[in-house]
Amino acid sequence: MRDSGGKVVASSQGLVPVQRARPFPSGVSATHVDPTLATRDLRDLVSSAPATVVGVYFRENAVAHLRSWTEPLSSKGARTMEVCCVESLLFRAGPLRSLVLRGLRANAEKRLQGKNLGTVESVACFGNLRDFQRDLGIENRLAAYCFLVDSSGNVRWRGSGEASDAEVRSLWGAAQALESEEAGARRR
């Protein structure tokens, strides 16, 4: 993992055609760190905009790699979401679940202070997430994964590990192309 920068899969070279895109999994509840927002299906949440950059991590050690994707894209104005996946039975319920959400909220607020970042939405998904992991092709839960999801809920771009400058440019280009594609479809 150290030698590869957490790269588990090669990043997409461009926008994946909709015919070849895999659907973002549905049936996973996402709890927003903002307690005023309701729990929603994660697929509905990520597909509510023309293009959403979705960073997914299962372990805290992957957060730095995750943010190498989400922070540059957020600062450019892309809709960005970070998804913390919590499978531990101990942290799924009661006071420890609240503690996880409070910690994510505090980290998000602290990170945004003094930085020129756009909005980074933070959500947590609790439970057995093996199907979610399999459906997205997440092979290693120690690595961070980044996906670009369109308004139909299709994964149109993916990467993993620590983002290089070239990968950030590729993802940004794919996000812009996807927004143009969606705008063209709305005009028809």
Protein backbone atom coordinates (compact mmCIF):
# COMPACT_ATOMS: atom_id res chain seq x y z
CA MET A 1 0.00 0.00 0.00
CA ARG A 2 2.81 2.43 0.83
CA ASP A 3 4.66 1.70 -2.39
CA SER A 4 1.58 2.23 -4.56
CA GLY A 5 0.13 5.24 -2.70
CA GLY A 6 -2.90 3.10 -1.92
CA LYS A 7 -3.63 2.48 -5.60
CA VAL A 8 -5.81 -0.59 -5.82
CA VAL A 9 -7.38 0.12 -9.19
CA ALA A 10 -6.17 2.25 -12.07
CA SER A 11 -8.07 5.51 -12.38
CA SER A 12 -10.45 6.00 -15.29
CA GLN A 13 -8.85 7.76 -18.23
CA GLY A 14 -11.98 9.74 -19.01
CA LEU A 15 -15.72 9.69 -18.61
CA VAL A 16 -17.06 6.13 -18.79
CA PRO A 17 -19.85 5.93 -21.40
CA VAL A 18 -23.26 5.57 -19.77
CA GLN A 19 -23.76 2.20 -21.54
CA ARG A 20 -20.69 0.78 -19.76
CA ALA A 21 -21.20 2.53 -16.41
CA ARG A 22 -22.10 0.46 -13.38
CA PRO A 23 -24.95 1.68 -11.18
CA PHE A 24 -24.14 3.17 -7.80
CA PRO A 25 -25.62 0.75 -5.25
CA SER A 26 -29.01 1.49 -3.73
CA GLY A 27 -30.44 0.31 -0.42
CA VAL A 28 -27.68 1.82 1.75
CA SER A 29 -28.85 4.34 4.35
CA ALA A 30 -26.74 7.47 4.64
CA THR A 31 -26.82 9.45 7.87
CA HIS A 32 -25.79 13.05 7.29
CA VAL A 33 -23.46 14.52 9.93
CA ASP A 34 -25.77 17.54 10.05
CA PRO A 35 -28.44 16.35 12.53
CA THR A 36 -31.07 18.59 10.91
CA LEU A 37 -30.95 16.53 7.70
CA ALA A 38 -32.83 13.25 7.39
CA THR A 39 -31.29 9.86 6.73
CA ARG A 40 -31.66 9.01 3.04
CA ASP A 41 -30.73 6.30 0.59
CA LEU A 42 -27.11 6.98 -0.42
CA ARG A 43 -27.83 6.50 -4.13
CA ASP A 44 -30.61 9.11 -4.02
CA LEU A 45 -28.29 11.48 -2.21
CA VAL A 46 -25.35 11.17 -4.62
CA SER A 47 -27.49 11.28 -7.76
CA SER A 48 -29.32 14.51 -6.84
CA ALA A 49 -26.99 16.65 -8.98
CA PRO A 50 -25.64 16.41 -12.55
CA ALA A 51 -22.22 15.31 -11.22
CA THR A 52 -21.17 14.33 -7.70
CA VAL A 53 -17.66 13.41 -6.61
CA VAL A 54 -18.07 10.67 -3.99
CA GLY A 55 -15.15 9.66 -1.79
CA VAL A 56 -15.60 6.39 0.13
CA TYR A 57 -13.51 5.09 3.00
CA PHE A 58 -13.80 2.27 5.52
CA ARG A 59 -10.78 3.00 7.70
CA GLU A 60 -9.50 6.23 9.25
CA ASN A 61 -6.04 5.71 7.76
CA ALA A 62 -7.53 6.26 4.28
CA VAL A 63 -8.83 9.77 5.04
CA ALA A 64 -5.68 11.59 3.88
CA HIS A 65 -5.86 9.80 0.52
CA LEU A 66 -9.59 10.50 0.29
CA ARG A 67 -9.04 14.21 0.81
CA SER A 68 -6.40 14.29 -1.92
CA TRP A 69 -9.40 13.73 -4.22
CA THR A 70 -12.22 15.64 -2.52
CA GLU A 71 -10.50 18.86 -1.44
CA PRO A 72 -9.10 19.92 -4.84
CA LEU A 73 -12.42 19.15 -6.56
CA SER A 74 -14.44 20.92 -3.88
CA SER A 75 -12.23 24.01 -4.16
CA LYS A 76 -12.99 24.06 -7.92
CA GLY A 77 -16.72 24.05 -7.20
CA ALA A 78 -17.60 20.39 -7.75
CA ARG A 79 -20.34 18.88 -5.59
CA THR A 80 -18.35 16.66 -3.26
CA MET A 81 -19.38 14.04 -0.71
CA GLU A 82 -17.30 11.99 1.72
CA VAL A 83 -18.79 8.68 2.82
CA CYS A 84 -17.51 7.07 6.03
CA CYS A 85 -18.45 3.38 6.11
CA VAL A 86 -18.85 1.95 9.62
CA GLU A 87 -19.31 -1.81 9.81
CA SER A 88 -18.28 -2.45 13.40
CA LEU A 89 -21.19 -3.76 15.43
CA LEU A 90 -19.91 -1.78 18.39
CA PHE A 91 -20.22 1.57 16.57
CA ARG A 92 -23.51 0.92 14.75
CA ALA A 93 -25.92 1.79 17.55
CA GLY A 94 -26.53 3.95 20.56
CA PRO A 95 -24.04 6.38 22.03
CA LEU A 96 -21.05 5.21 19.96
CA ARG A 97 -22.95 5.85 16.73
CA SER A 98 -23.65 9.40 17.96
CA LEU A 99 -19.99 9.74 18.89
CA VAL A 100 -18.90 8.77 15.36
CA LEU A 101 -21.28 11.32 13.82
CA ARG A 102 -20.21 14.05 16.23
CA GLY A 103 -16.54 13.35 15.44
CA LEU A 104 -17.17 13.50 11.68
CA ARG A 105 -19.08 16.77 12.09
CA ALA A 106 -16.28 18.32 14.20
CA ASN A 107 -13.63 17.22 11.70
CA ALA A 108 -15.62 18.66 8.79
CA GLU A 109 -16.13 22.00 10.53
CA LYS A 110 -12.48 22.26 11.59
CA ARG A 111 -11.23 21.37 8.13
CA LEU A 112 -13.29 24.04 6.41
CA GLN A 113 -12.03 26.84 8.66
CA GLY A 114 -9.45 28.98 6.91
CA LYS A 115 -9.49 26.96 3.69
CA ASN A 116 -10.87 27.95 0.34
CA LEU A 117 -13.00 24.84 -0.02
CA GLY A 118 -16.48 24.56 -1.39
CA THR A 119 -19.04 22.44 0.37
CA VAL A 120 -17.95 18.94 1.29
CA GLU A 121 -20.92 16.91 2.48
CA SER A 122 -20.10 14.24 5.04
CA VAL A 123 -22.28 11.20 5.60
CA ALA A 124 -21.86 7.93 7.45
CA CYS A 125 -23.24 4.55 6.46
CA PHE A 126 -23.67 2.02 9.26
CA GLY A 127 -24.17 -1.74 8.95
CA ASN A 128 -23.06 -4.68 6.90
CA LEU A 129 -21.76 -3.02 3.74
CA ARG A 130 -20.30 -6.06 1.95
CA ASP A 131 -22.80 -5.83 -0.93
CA PHE A 132 -22.12 -2.09 -1.28
CA GLN A 133 -18.38 -2.82 -1.32
CA ARG A 134 -18.75 -5.60 -3.89
CA ASP A 135 -21.09 -3.59 -6.15
CA LEU A 136 -18.61 -0.70 -6.32
CA GLY A 137 -15.61 -2.96 -6.87
CA ILE A 138 -13.98 -1.91 -3.60
CA GLU A 139 -11.30 -4.56 -3.24
CA ASN A 140 -9.38 -3.21 -0.27
CA ARG A 141 -11.06 -1.50 2.68
CA LEU A 142 -7.75 0.08 3.73
CA ALA A 143 -7.74 2.31 0.64
CA ALA A 144 -9.83 5.35 -0.26
CA TYR A 145 -11.94 5.23 -3.41
CA CYS A 146 -13.29 8.10 -5.46
CA PHE A 147 -16.26 7.92 -7.84
CA LEU A 148 -18.00 10.38 -10.13
CA VAL A 149 -21.75 9.73 -10.14
CA ASP A 150 -24.23 11.17 -12.63
CA SER A 151 -27.84 12.21 -11.96
CA SER A 152 -29.10 8.77 -13.03
CA GLY A 153 -26.97 7.13 -10.34
CA ASN A 154 -24.31 5.71 -12.67
CA VAL A 155 -20.61 5.58 -11.76
CA ARG A 156 -18.92 7.42 -14.63
CA TRP A 157 -15.37 7.64 -13.26
CA ARG A 158 -13.36 5.93 -10.51
CA GLY A 159 -9.99 6.04 -8.81
CA SER A 160 -8.34 4.87 -5.62
CA GLY A 161 -5.54 5.65 -3.22
CA GLU A 162 -3.79 9.00 -3.14
CA ALA A 163 -4.69 11.26 -6.08
CA SER A 164 -1.92 12.52 -8.32
CA ASP A 165 -2.21 15.93 -9.98
CA ALA A 166 -2.94 14.19 -13.30
CA GLU A 167 -5.74 12.15 -11.72
CA VAL A 168 -7.30 15.26 -10.16
CA ARG A 169 -7.20 16.96 -13.59
CA SER A 170 -8.74 13.85 -15.19
CA LEU A 171 -11.53 13.72 -12.60
CA TRP A 172 -12.18 17.47 -12.92
CA GLY A 173 -12.33 17.13 -16.72
CA ALA A 174 -14.73 14.18 -16.40
CA ALA A 175 -16.94 16.15 -13.98
CA GLN A 176 -17.08 19.10 -16.38
CA ALA A 177 -17.82 16.80 -19.33
CA LEU A 178 -20.58 15.11 -17.35
CA GLU A 179 -22.16 18.45 -16.42
CA SER A 180 -22.07 19.48 -20.11
CA GLU A 181 -23.56 16.14 -21.12
CA GLU A 182 -26.36 16.52 -18.56
CA ALA A 183 -27.02 20.13 -19.61
CA GLY A 184 -27.28 19.03 -23.26
CA ALA A 185 -29.73 16.27 -22.34
CA ARG A 186 -31.92 18.77 -20.44
CA ARG A 187 -32.06 21.10 -23.46
CA ARG A 188 -33.39 18.36 -25.72
